[in-house]
Amino acid sequence: MKEVIDVGLPPLKQPFSWAVKSAGMLFTAHGPVRTDGTIDTGTIEEQARLTFTNLRRAVQAAGGGMHDVTQVLIYMTDVADMPAIDAVYREFFKPPWPNRSSAAVAGLVVPGMKIEIVAYAMIPAAA
């Protein structure tokens, strides 16, 4: 059975849940969305930091920690942003690193949005 996790972000107009937990796995996707629902279109560092803050918010709401994240998929609009994204990533994750894949895409849903992630975490049974 799946459980929708309240991550403290506003609902979207799209048919979408910020985070869903099932059988100890957390499935979540995030971008640079502020708690008021607006999108940060500032620098890649600002957007990445907000995106990973939102991921941490979701993992903690599900009862886990960032060390429980097992895979991260990063979509960016400019591959030249990878070093900046990596620097911010290291603020949120420590070794052993989650499995990761990164891809440059032509664009994201909101103009000016430079990053979006999908992440999976294994949340301890006691959570």
Protein backbone atom coordinates (compact mmCIF):
# COMPACT_ATOMS: atom_id res chain seq x y z
CA MET A 1 0.00 0.00 0.00
CA LYS A 2 1.34 3.45 -0.82
CA GLU A 3 1.33 6.35 1.59
CA VAL A 4 1.53 9.96 0.43
CA ILE A 5 3.99 11.86 2.62
CA ASP A 6 3.21 15.46 3.59
CA VAL A 7 6.49 17.27 2.95
CA GLY A 8 5.24 20.76 3.75
CA LEU A 9 5.22 21.99 0.17
CA PRO A 10 2.01 23.25 -1.45
CA PRO A 11 0.02 20.97 -3.75
CA LEU A 12 0.63 21.44 -7.45
CA LYS A 13 -1.94 21.86 -10.20
CA GLN A 14 -0.58 18.69 -11.81
CA PRO A 15 -1.59 15.15 -10.74
CA PHE A 16 1.52 14.73 -8.59
CA SER A 17 2.54 13.79 -5.05
CA TRP A 18 5.77 15.25 -3.65
CA ALA A 19 6.68 11.96 -1.97
CA VAL A 20 5.19 8.49 -1.80
CA LYS A 21 6.32 5.72 0.55
CA SER A 22 5.63 2.05 -0.06
CA ALA A 23 7.20 -1.10 1.41
CA GLY A 24 9.95 0.94 3.07
CA MET A 25 10.90 2.79 -0.12
CA LEU A 26 10.47 6.51 -0.62
CA PHE A 27 9.89 7.83 -4.12
CA THR A 28 10.23 11.59 -4.50
CA ALA A 29 10.97 14.29 -7.08
CA HIS A 30 12.00 17.89 -6.47
CA GLY A 31 13.01 21.14 -8.04
CA PRO A 32 13.74 24.63 -6.73
CA VAL A 33 10.25 25.12 -5.27
CA ARG A 34 9.84 27.52 -2.36
CA THR A 35 7.41 26.75 0.48
CA ASP A 36 4.99 29.33 -0.97
CA GLY A 37 4.92 27.37 -4.26
CA THR A 38 6.99 29.82 -6.31
CA ILE A 39 9.98 28.62 -8.29
CA ASP A 40 13.51 29.92 -7.68
CA THR A 41 14.99 30.90 -11.04
CA GLY A 42 18.21 32.35 -9.60
CA THR A 43 21.71 30.93 -9.87
CA ILE A 44 22.30 27.21 -10.25
CA GLU A 45 23.80 27.13 -6.74
CA GLU A 46 20.63 28.68 -5.25
CA GLN A 47 18.39 26.37 -7.24
CA ALA A 48 20.40 23.25 -6.41
CA ARG A 49 20.53 24.12 -2.69
CA LEU A 50 16.75 24.62 -2.56
CA THR A 51 16.16 21.43 -4.56
CA PHE A 52 18.28 19.32 -2.19
CA THR A 53 16.74 21.08 0.83
CA ASN A 54 13.34 19.96 -0.50
CA LEU A 55 14.67 16.41 -0.87
CA ARG A 56 15.90 16.46 2.72
CA ARG A 57 12.49 17.78 3.83
CA ALA A 58 10.77 14.84 2.10
CA VAL A 59 13.15 12.20 3.47
CA GLN A 60 12.81 13.54 7.01
CA ALA A 61 9.01 13.75 6.72
CA ALA A 62 9.06 10.05 5.78
CA GLY A 63 11.11 9.24 8.89
CA GLY A 64 14.55 8.95 7.34
CA GLY A 65 17.74 10.89 6.81
CA MET A 66 19.85 11.79 3.81
CA HIS A 67 22.03 8.73 4.53
CA ASP A 68 18.94 6.64 3.56
CA VAL A 69 18.90 8.03 -0.02
CA THR A 70 20.01 5.25 -2.36
CA GLN A 71 19.68 6.84 -5.79
CA VAL A 72 19.51 10.36 -7.21
CA LEU A 73 18.71 11.25 -10.81
CA ILE A 74 19.69 14.81 -11.72
CA TYR A 75 18.25 16.67 -14.71
CA MET A 76 19.93 19.97 -15.56
CA THR A 77 19.45 22.37 -18.45
CA ASP A 78 23.17 23.08 -18.86
CA VAL A 79 25.84 20.41 -18.44
CA ALA A 80 28.33 23.18 -17.61
CA ASP A 81 26.45 23.50 -14.28
CA MET A 82 27.62 20.05 -13.14
CA PRO A 83 30.58 21.32 -11.05
CA ALA A 84 28.32 23.76 -9.17
CA ILE A 85 25.70 21.06 -8.64
CA ASP A 86 28.40 18.67 -7.38
CA ALA A 87 29.59 21.27 -4.86
CA VAL A 88 26.08 21.70 -3.46
CA TYR A 89 25.48 17.92 -3.58
CA ARG A 90 28.46 17.47 -1.23
CA GLU A 91 26.74 19.75 1.30
CA PHE A 92 23.87 17.25 1.55
CA PHE A 93 25.54 13.86 1.03
CA LYS A 94 28.64 12.20 2.42
CA PRO A 95 30.30 8.89 1.43
CA PRO A 96 29.15 6.31 0.82
CA TRP A 97 27.42 8.26 -1.95
CA PRO A 98 24.01 7.34 -3.32
CA ASN A 99 24.00 5.84 -6.80
CA ARG A 100 23.57 8.72 -9.23
CA SER A 101 22.85 9.56 -12.82
CA SER A 102 22.97 13.05 -14.35
CA ALA A 103 21.55 14.22 -17.66
CA ALA A 104 21.34 17.49 -19.54
CA VAL A 105 17.86 18.20 -20.89
CA ALA A 106 16.52 20.73 -23.37
CA GLY A 107 14.29 22.36 -20.79
CA LEU A 108 12.19 21.92 -17.67
CA VAL A 109 8.54 22.82 -17.04
CA VAL A 110 9.15 26.33 -15.69
CA PRO A 111 11.25 28.77 -17.76
CA GLY A 112 14.43 29.62 -15.84
CA MET A 113 14.33 26.38 -13.85
CA LYS A 114 17.78 24.78 -14.18
CA ILE A 115 17.55 21.60 -12.10
CA GLU A 116 15.12 18.86 -11.17
CA ILE A 117 15.83 15.62 -9.33
CA VAL A 118 14.24 12.24 -8.73
CA ALA A 119 15.38 10.32 -5.67
CA TYR A 120 14.76 7.00 -3.99
CA ALA A 121 15.41 6.18 -0.34
CA MET A 122 15.09 3.10 1.83
CA ILE A 123 13.44 4.24 5.05
CA PRO A 124 14.09 2.11 8.16
CA ALA A 125 11.14 -0.09 9.20
CA ALA A 126 10.81 1.71 12.55
CA ALA A 127 10.07 4.96 10.69
